[in-house]
Amino acid sequence: MSVEVEPLRTLTVFAGLSDGQLERVAAVLKRHAIPAGMEVLTEGEKSTSLFVLARGSVGTSKRLGLAVRGPMDAAKQKFLFPAKS
């Protein structure tokens, strides 16, 4: 799915870019629909990606305790900004 230039104009991160620059940014962006409840990023994961939420809501959580304890579970994380239902 291609990304339209117009919605990018409303995002602060792209403020000040010319039409040509916005078109180049839009040309390399990829649109993804993420199912509800699916984890997008994991704390500590390295990435070279930029995620822009176009619609919907997300929740964020913070790991509690030592990071080497294994996979996160509900008892080992605190929800900082819960997703709206």
PDB file of N, CA and C in Angstrom:
ATOM      1  N   MET A   1       0.839  -1.183   0.000  1.00  0.00           N
ATOM      2  CA  MET A   1       0.000   0.000   0.000  1.00  0.00           C
ATOM      3  C   MET A   1       0.884   1.246   0.000  1.00  0.00           C
ATOM      4  N   SER A   2       0.586   2.173  -0.852  1.00  0.00           N
ATOM      5  CA  SER A   2       1.379   3.396  -0.887  1.00  0.00           C
ATOM      6  C   SER A   2       0.874   4.385   0.161  1.00  0.00           C
ATOM      7  N   VAL A   3       1.716   5.324   0.501  1.00  0.00           N
ATOM      8  CA  VAL A   3       1.392   6.331   1.502  1.00  0.00           C
ATOM      9  C   VAL A   3       1.184   7.659   0.804  1.00  0.00           C
ATOM     10  N   GLU A   4       0.095   8.345   1.157  1.00  0.00           N
ATOM     11  CA  GLU A   4      -0.206   9.645   0.564  1.00  0.00           C
ATOM     12  C   GLU A   4       0.619  10.736   1.237  1.00  0.00           C
ATOM     13  N   VAL A   5       0.917  11.790   0.494  1.00  0.00           N
ATOM     14  CA  VAL A   5       1.736  12.892   0.996  1.00  0.00           C
ATOM     15  C   VAL A   5       0.948  13.790   1.958  1.00  0.00           C
ATOM     16  N   GLU A   6      -0.328  14.075   1.658  1.00  0.00           N
ATOM     17  CA  GLU A   6      -1.111  15.034   2.449  1.00  0.00           C
ATOM     18  C   GLU A   6      -1.110  14.754   3.951  1.00  0.00           C
ATOM     19  N   PRO A   7      -1.379  13.518   4.406  1.00  0.00           N
ATOM     20  CA  PRO A   7      -1.374  13.281   5.852  1.00  0.00           C
ATOM     21  C   PRO A   7      -0.012  13.546   6.509  1.00  0.00           C
ATOM     22  N   LEU A   8       1.064  13.414   5.755  1.00  0.00           N
ATOM     23  CA  LEU A   8       2.396  13.648   6.309  1.00  0.00           C
ATOM     24  C   LEU A   8       2.592  15.108   6.691  1.00  0.00           C
ATOM     25  N   ARG A   9       1.915  16.004   5.986  1.00  0.00           N
ATOM     26  CA  ARG A   9       2.053  17.449   6.250  1.00  0.00           C
ATOM     27  C   ARG A   9       1.613  17.809   7.671  1.00  0.00           C
ATOM     28  N   THR A  10       0.727  17.017   8.255  1.00  0.00           N
ATOM     29  CA  THR A  10       0.187  17.336   9.582  1.00  0.00           C
ATOM     30  C   THR A  10       1.096  16.863  10.710  1.00  0.00           C
ATOM     31  N   LEU A  11       2.132  16.119  10.401  1.00  0.00           N
ATOM     32  CA  LEU A  11       3.005  15.548  11.427  1.00  0.00           C
ATOM     33  C   LEU A  11       4.212  16.444  11.681  1.00  0.00           C
ATOM     34  N   THR A  12       4.430  16.781  12.945  1.00  0.00           N
ATOM     35  CA  THR A  12       5.521  17.668  13.336  1.00  0.00           C
ATOM     36  C   THR A  12       6.872  17.159  12.846  1.00  0.00           C
ATOM     37  N   VAL A  13       7.075  15.854  12.864  1.00  0.00           N
ATOM     38  CA  VAL A  13       8.365  15.295  12.472  1.00  0.00           C
ATOM     39  C   VAL A  13       8.717  15.649  11.020  1.00  0.00           C
ATOM     40  N   PHE A  14       7.707  15.918  10.195  1.00  0.00           N
ATOM     41  CA  PHE A  14       7.951  16.262   8.790  1.00  0.00           C
ATOM     42  C   PHE A  14       7.775  17.747   8.508  1.00  0.00           C
ATOM     43  N   ALA A  15       7.595  18.566   9.545  1.00  0.00           N
ATOM     44  CA  ALA A  15       7.400  20.012   9.369  1.00  0.00           C
ATOM     45  C   ALA A  15       8.616  20.618   8.682  1.00  0.00           C
ATOM     46  N   GLY A  16       8.364  21.517   7.766  1.00  0.00           N
ATOM     47  CA  GLY A  16       9.452  22.217   7.090  1.00  0.00           C
ATOM     48  C   GLY A  16       9.955  21.528   5.838  1.00  0.00           C
ATOM     49  N   LEU A  17       9.466  20.325   5.550  1.00  0.00           N
ATOM     50  CA  LEU A  17       9.902  19.646   4.327  1.00  0.00           C
ATOM     51  C   LEU A  17       9.147  20.202   3.130  1.00  0.00           C
ATOM     52  N   SER A  18       9.826  20.291   2.016  1.00  0.00           N
ATOM     53  CA  SER A  18       9.196  20.765   0.782  1.00  0.00           C
ATOM     54  C   SER A  18       8.306  19.664   0.213  1.00  0.00           C
ATOM     55  N   ASP A  19       7.497  20.012  -0.788  1.00  0.00           N
ATOM     56  CA  ASP A  19       6.649  19.017  -1.437  1.00  0.00           C
ATOM     57  C   ASP A  19       7.488  17.879  -2.009  1.00  0.00           C
ATOM     58  N   GLY A  20       8.583  18.206  -2.629  1.00  0.00           N
ATOM     59  CA  GLY A  20       9.455  17.188  -3.208  1.00  0.00           C
ATOM     60  C   GLY A  20      10.042  16.266  -2.150  1.00  0.00           C
ATOM     61  N   GLN A  21      10.447  16.841  -1.025  1.00  0.00           N
ATOM     62  CA  GLN A  21      10.987  16.030   0.063  1.00  0.00           C
ATOM     63  C   GLN A  21       9.923  15.122   0.653  1.00  0.00           C
ATOM     64  N   LEU A  22       8.706  15.648   0.837  1.00  0.00           N
ATOM     65  CA  LEU A  22       7.609  14.829   1.346  1.00  0.00           C
ATOM     66  C   LEU A  22       7.285  13.687   0.381  1.00  0.00           C
ATOM     67  N   GLU A  23       7.341  13.953  -0.898  1.00  0.00           N
ATOM     68  CA  GLU A  23       7.091  12.907  -1.897  1.00  0.00           C
ATOM     69  C   GLU A  23       8.143  11.808  -1.808  1.00  0.00           C
ATOM     70  N   ARG A  24       9.395  12.190  -1.569  1.00  0.00           N
ATOM     71  CA  ARG A  24      10.461  11.181  -1.425  1.00  0.00           C
ATOM     72  C   ARG A  24      10.263  10.357  -0.157  1.00  0.00           C
ATOM     73  N   VAL A  25       9.837  11.020   0.927  1.00  0.00           N
ATOM     74  CA  VAL A  25       9.566  10.292   2.166  1.00  0.00           C
ATOM     75  C   VAL A  25       8.410   9.320   1.938  1.00  0.00           C
ATOM     76  N   ALA A  26       7.323   9.804   1.355  1.00  0.00           N
ATOM     77  CA  ALA A  26       6.149   8.958   1.112  1.00  0.00           C
ATOM     78  C   ALA A  26       6.499   7.755   0.232  1.00  0.00           C
ATOM     79  N   ALA A  27       7.419   7.938  -0.692  1.00  0.00           N
ATOM     80  CA  ALA A  27       7.792   6.860  -1.613  1.00  0.00           C
ATOM     81  C   ALA A  27       8.473   5.685  -0.906  1.00  0.00           C
ATOM     82  N   VAL A  28       9.102   5.924   0.234  1.00  0.00           N
ATOM     83  CA  VAL A  28       9.803   4.834   0.937  1.00  0.00           C
ATOM     84  C   VAL A  28       9.020   4.308   2.142  1.00  0.00           C
ATOM     85  N   LEU A  29       7.909   4.969   2.482  1.00  0.00           N
ATOM     86  CA  LEU A  29       7.103   4.497   3.601  1.00  0.00           C
ATOM     87  C   LEU A  29       6.252   3.302   3.174  1.00  0.00           C
ATOM     88  N   LYS A  30       5.990   2.427   4.135  1.00  0.00           N
ATOM     89  CA  LYS A  30       5.129   1.271   3.891  1.00  0.00           C
ATOM     90  C   LYS A  30       3.991   1.308   4.896  1.00  0.00           C
ATOM     91  N   ARG A  31       2.789   1.138   4.406  1.00  0.00           N
ATOM     92  CA  ARG A  31       1.609   1.131   5.271  1.00  0.00           C
ATOM     93  C   ARG A  31       1.339  -0.302   5.713  1.00  0.00           C
ATOM     94  N   HIS A  32       1.102  -0.465   7.011  1.00  0.00           N
ATOM     95  CA  HIS A  32       0.794  -1.783   7.574  1.00  0.00           C
ATOM     96  C   HIS A  32      -0.439  -1.668   8.461  1.00  0.00           C
ATOM     97  N   ALA A  33      -1.314  -2.628   8.354  1.00  0.00           N
ATOM     98  CA  ALA A  33      -2.456  -2.730   9.271  1.00  0.00           C
ATOM     99  C   ALA A  33      -2.061  -3.755  10.327  1.00  0.00           C
ATOM    100  N   ILE A  34      -2.073  -3.348  11.568  1.00  0.00           N
ATOM    101  CA  ILE A  34      -1.668  -4.215  12.678  1.00  0.00           C
ATOM    102  C   ILE A  34      -2.930  -4.674  13.415  1.00  0.00           C
ATOM    103  N   PRO A  35      -3.124  -5.975  13.560  1.00  0.00           N
ATOM    104  CA  PRO A  35      -4.305  -6.470  14.279  1.00  0.00           C
ATOM    105  C   PRO A  35      -4.302  -6.018  15.747  1.00  0.00           C
ATOM    106  N   ALA A  36      -5.489  -5.816  16.298  1.00  0.00           N
ATOM    107  CA  ALA A  36      -5.625  -5.429  17.704  1.00  0.00           C
ATOM    108  C   ALA A  36      -4.934  -6.446  18.597  1.00  0.00           C
ATOM    109  N   GLY A  37      -4.197  -5.957  19.574  1.00  0.00           N
ATOM    110  CA  GLY A  37      -3.523  -6.823  20.534  1.00  0.00           C
ATOM    111  C   GLY A  37      -2.157  -7.315  20.092  1.00  0.00           C
ATOM    112  N   MET A  38      -1.778  -7.049  18.863  1.00  0.00           N
ATOM    113  CA  MET A  38      -0.470  -7.503  18.374  1.00  0.00           C
ATOM    114  C   MET A  38       0.635  -6.570  18.870  1.00  0.00           C
ATOM    115  N   GLU A  39       1.727  -7.150  19.332  1.00  0.00           N
ATOM    116  CA  GLU A  39       2.873  -6.371  19.786  1.00  0.00           C
ATOM    117  C   GLU A  39       3.624  -5.839  18.568  1.00  0.00           C
ATOM    118  N   VAL A  40       3.900  -4.544  18.559  1.00  0.00           N
ATOM    119  CA  VAL A  40       4.603  -3.910  17.436  1.00  0.00           C
ATOM    120  C   VAL A  40       6.093  -3.844  17.721  1.00  0.00           C
ATOM    121  N   LEU A  41       6.455  -3.402  18.899  1.00  0.00           N
ATOM    122  CA  LEU A  41       7.845  -3.300  19.319  1.00  0.00           C
ATOM    123  C   LEU A  41       8.004  -3.899  20.705  1.00  0.00           C
ATOM    124  N   THR A  42       9.185  -4.392  20.989  1.00  0.00           N
ATOM    125  CA  THR A  42       9.497  -4.915  22.306  1.00  0.00           C
ATOM    126  C   THR A  42      10.573  -4.035  22.931  1.00  0.00           C
ATOM    127  N   GLU A  43      10.413  -3.722  24.192  1.00  0.00           N
ATOM    128  CA  GLU A  43      11.399  -2.898  24.886  1.00  0.00           C
ATOM    129  C   GLU A  43      12.792  -3.483  24.717  1.00  0.00           C
ATOM    130  N   GLY A  44      13.737  -2.629  24.352  1.00  0.00           N
ATOM    131  CA  GLY A  44      15.124  -3.053  24.179  1.00  0.00           C
ATOM    132  C   GLY A  44      15.455  -3.513  22.763  1.00  0.00           C
ATOM    133  N   GLU A  45      14.443  -3.694  21.937  1.00  0.00           N
ATOM    134  CA  GLU A  45      14.654  -4.130  20.553  1.00  0.00           C
ATOM    135  C   GLU A  45      15.297  -3.001  19.752  1.00  0.00           C
ATOM    136  N   LYS A  46      16.300  -3.334  18.968  1.00  0.00           N
ATOM    137  CA  LYS A  46      16.943  -2.340  18.121  1.00  0.00           C
ATOM    138  C   LYS A  46      16.213  -2.279  16.784  1.00  0.00           C
ATOM    139  N   SER A  47      16.053  -1.074  16.275  1.00  0.00           N
ATOM    140  CA  SER A  47      15.328  -0.896  15.023  1.00  0.00           C
ATOM    141  C   SER A  47      15.852   0.331  14.293  1.00  0.00           C
ATOM    142  N   THR A  48      15.728   0.303  13.003  1.00  0.00           N
ATOM    143  CA  THR A  48      16.042   1.470  12.188  1.00  0.00           C
ATOM    144  C   THR A  48      14.760   2.014  11.553  1.00  0.00           C
ATOM    145  N   SER A  49      13.631   1.586  12.090  1.00  0.00           N
ATOM    146  CA  SER A  49      12.334   1.971  11.539  1.00  0.00           C
ATOM    147  C   SER A  49      11.717   3.128  12.315  1.00  0.00           C
ATOM    148  N   LEU A  50      10.860   3.861  11.629  1.00  0.00           N
ATOM    149  CA  LEU A  50      10.045   4.907  12.227  1.00  0.00           C
ATOM    150  C   LEU A  50       8.611   4.459  12.070  1.00  0.00           C
ATOM    151  N   PHE A  51       7.859   4.417  13.157  1.00  0.00           N
ATOM    152  CA  PHE A  51       6.464   4.024  13.110  1.00  0.00           C
ATOM    153  C   PHE A  51       5.604   5.258  13.316  1.00  0.00           C
ATOM    154  N   VAL A  52       4.627   5.448  12.459  1.00  0.00           N
ATOM    155  CA  VAL A  52       3.698   6.569  12.556  1.00  0.00           C
ATOM    156  C   VAL A  52       2.303   5.976  12.685  1.00  0.00           C
ATOM    157  N   LEU A  53       1.631   6.282  13.772  1.00  0.00           N
ATOM    158  CA  LEU A  53       0.282   5.787  13.993  1.00  0.00           C
ATOM    159  C   LEU A  53      -0.683   6.680  13.233  1.00  0.00           C
ATOM    160  N   ALA A  54      -1.328   6.123  12.216  1.00  0.00           N
ATOM    161  CA  ALA A  54      -2.251   6.896  11.395  1.00  0.00           C
ATOM    162  C   ALA A  54      -3.679   6.834  11.925  1.00  0.00           C
ATOM    163  N   ARG A  55      -4.023   5.718  12.557  1.00  0.00           N
ATOM    164  CA  ARG A  55      -5.385   5.547  13.059  1.00  0.00           C
ATOM    165  C   ARG A  55      -5.364   4.514  14.173  1.00  0.00           C
ATOM    166  N   GLY A  56      -6.218   4.686  15.162  1.00  0.00           N
ATOM    167  CA  GLY A  56      -6.297   3.726  16.254  1.00  0.00           C
ATOM    168  C   GLY A  56      -5.548   4.212  17.477  1.00  0.00           C
ATOM    169  N   SER A  57      -5.203   3.295  18.355  1.00  0.00           N
ATOM    170  CA  SER A  57      -4.469   3.644  19.560  1.00  0.00           C
ATOM    171  C   SER A  57      -3.512   2.520  19.917  1.00  0.00           C
ATOM    172  N   VAL A  58      -2.520   2.853  20.713  1.00  0.00           N
ATOM    173  CA  VAL A  58      -1.545   1.866  21.163  1.00  0.00           C
ATOM    174  C   VAL A  58      -1.366   2.001  22.665  1.00  0.00           C
ATOM    175  N   GLY A  59      -0.891   0.948  23.266  1.00  0.00           N
ATOM    176  CA  GLY A  59      -0.544   0.986  24.671  1.00  0.00           C
ATOM    177  C   GLY A  59       0.962   0.821  24.799  1.00  0.00           C
ATOM    178  N   THR A  60       1.506   1.304  25.891  1.00  0.00           N
ATOM    179  CA  THR A  60       2.932   1.125  26.145  1.00  0.00           C
ATOM    180  C   THR A  60       3.117   0.516  27.525  1.00  0.00           C
ATOM    181  N   SER A  61       4.179  -0.256  27.666  1.00  0.00           N
ATOM    182  CA  SER A  61       4.456  -0.852  28.965  1.00  0.00           C
ATOM    183  C   SER A  61       5.950  -0.776  29.238  1.00  0.00           C
ATOM    184  N   LYS A  62       6.304  -0.910  30.498  1.00  0.00           N
ATOM    185  CA  LYS A  62       7.695  -0.858  30.945  1.00  0.00           C
ATOM    186  C   LYS A  62       7.996  -2.143  31.684  1.00  0.00           C
ATOM    187  N   ARG A  63       9.091  -2.783  31.313  1.00  0.00           N
ATOM    188  CA  ARG A  63       9.536  -3.994  32.009  1.00  0.00           C
ATOM    189  C   ARG A  63       9.906  -3.675  33.443  1.00  0.00           C
ATOM    190  N   LEU A  64       9.600  -4.560  34.339  1.00  0.00           N
ATOM    191  CA  LEU A  64       9.963  -4.412  35.741  1.00  0.00           C
ATOM    192  C   LEU A  64      11.047  -5.431  36.075  1.00  0.00           C
ATOM    193  N   GLY A  65      12.005  -5.061  36.880  1.00  0.00           N
ATOM    194  CA  GLY A  65      13.057  -5.993  37.271  1.00  0.00           C
ATOM    195  C   GLY A  65      14.158  -6.070  36.239  1.00  0.00           C
ATOM    196  N   LEU A  66      14.936  -7.121  36.317  1.00  0.00           N
ATOM    197  CA  LEU A  66      16.080  -7.291  35.427  1.00  0.00           C
ATOM    198  C   LEU A  66      15.643  -7.716  34.034  1.00  0.00           C
ATOM    199  N   ALA A  67      16.289  -7.145  33.030  1.00  0.00           N
ATOM    200  CA  ALA A  67      15.934  -7.439  31.645  1.00  0.00           C
ATOM    201  C   ALA A  67      16.302  -8.864  31.246  1.00  0.00           C
ATOM    202  N   VAL A  68      17.159  -9.531  31.990  1.00  0.00           N
ATOM    203  CA  VAL A  68      17.624 -10.860  31.605  1.00  0.00           C
ATOM    204  C   VAL A  68      16.702 -11.976  32.094  1.00  0.00           C
ATOM    205  N   ARG A  69      15.572 -11.630  32.663  1.00  0.00           N
ATOM    206  CA  ARG A  69      14.683 -12.635  33.235  1.00  0.00           C
ATOM    207  C   ARG A  69      13.874 -13.420  32.207  1.00  0.00           C
ATOM    208  N   GLY A  70      13.943 -13.111  30.969  1.00  0.00           N
ATOM    209  CA  GLY A  70      13.179 -13.861  29.974  1.00  0.00           C
ATOM    210  C   GLY A  70      12.016 -13.050  29.446  1.00  0.00           C
ATOM    211  N   PRO A  71      11.111 -13.723  28.752  1.00  0.00           N
ATOM    212  CA  PRO A  71       9.989 -13.028  28.112  1.00  0.00           C
ATOM    213  C   PRO A  71       9.131 -12.271  29.124  1.00  0.00           C
ATOM    214  N   MET A  72       8.580 -11.175  28.659  1.00  0.00           N
ATOM    215  CA  MET A  72       7.717 -10.372  29.524  1.00  0.00           C
ATOM    216  C   MET A  72       6.400 -11.106  29.745  1.00  0.00           C
ATOM    217  N   ASP A  73       5.829 -10.970  30.908  1.00  0.00           N
ATOM    218  CA  ASP A  73       4.476 -11.438  31.162  1.00  0.00           C
ATOM    219  C   ASP A  73       3.781 -10.370  31.995  1.00  0.00           C
ATOM    220  N   ALA A  74       2.499 -10.519  32.196  1.00  0.00           N
ATOM    221  CA  ALA A  74       1.717  -9.478  32.868  1.00  0.00           C
ATOM    222  C   ALA A  74       2.266  -9.141  34.254  1.00  0.00           C
ATOM    223  N   ALA A  75       2.846 -10.119  34.959  1.00  0.00           N
ATOM    224  CA  ALA A  75       3.357  -9.879  36.302  1.00  0.00           C
ATOM    225  C   ALA A  75       4.660  -9.097  36.301  1.00  0.00           C
ATOM    226  N   LYS A  76       5.336  -9.003  35.149  1.00  0.00           N
ATOM    227  CA  LYS A  76       6.647  -8.361  35.090  1.00  0.00           C
ATOM    228  C   LYS A  76       6.644  -7.075  34.276  1.00  0.00           C
ATOM    229  N   GLN A  77       5.490  -6.487  34.057  1.00  0.00           N
ATOM    230  CA  GLN A  77       5.448  -5.238  33.310  1.00  0.00           C
ATOM    231  C   GLN A  77       4.387  -4.309  33.877  1.00  0.00           C
ATOM    232  N   LYS A  78       4.612  -3.023  33.676  1.00  0.00           N
ATOM    233  CA  LYS A  78       3.657  -2.010  34.118  1.00  0.00           C
ATOM    234  C   LYS A  78       3.166  -1.282  32.885  1.00  0.00           C
ATOM    235  N   PHE A  79       1.860  -1.168  32.751  1.00  0.00           N
ATOM    236  CA  PHE A  79       1.300  -0.446  31.616  1.00  0.00           C
ATOM    237  C   PHE A  79       1.318   1.039  31.918  1.00  0.00           C
ATOM    238  N   LEU A  80       2.032   1.795  31.073  1.00  0.00           N
ATOM    239  CA  LEU A  80       2.205   3.230  31.287  1.00  0.00           C
ATOM    240  C   LEU A  80       1.116   4.039  30.598  1.00  0.00           C
ATOM    241  N   PHE A  81       0.700   3.576  29.454  1.00  0.00           N
ATOM    242  CA  PHE A  81      -0.297   4.266  28.664  1.00  0.00           C
ATOM    243  C   PHE A  81      -1.152   3.203  28.001  1.00  0.00           C
ATOM    244  N   PRO A  82      -2.185   2.739  28.679  1.00  0.00           N
ATOM    245  CA  PRO A  82      -2.975   1.637  28.123  1.00  0.00           C
ATOM    246  C   PRO A  82      -3.699   2.026  26.843  1.00  0.00           C
ATOM    247  N   ALA A  83      -3.842   1.066  25.958  1.00  0.00           N
ATOM    248  CA  ALA A  83      -4.602   1.279  24.724  1.00  0.00           C
ATOM    249  C   ALA A  83      -6.054   1.524  25.095  1.00  0.00           C
ATOM    250  N   LYS A  84      -6.699   2.398  24.353  1.00  0.00           N
ATOM    251  CA  LYS A  84      -8.122   2.658  24.572  1.00  0.00           C
ATOM    252  C   LYS A  84      -8.913   1.510  23.978  1.00  0.00           C
ATOM    253  N   SER A  85      -9.998   1.138  24.632  1.00  0.00           N
ATOM    254  CA  SER A  85     -10.807   0.048  24.095  1.00  0.00           C
ATOM    255  C   SER A  85     -12.003   0.560  23.343  1.00  0.00           C
TER     256      SER A  85
END
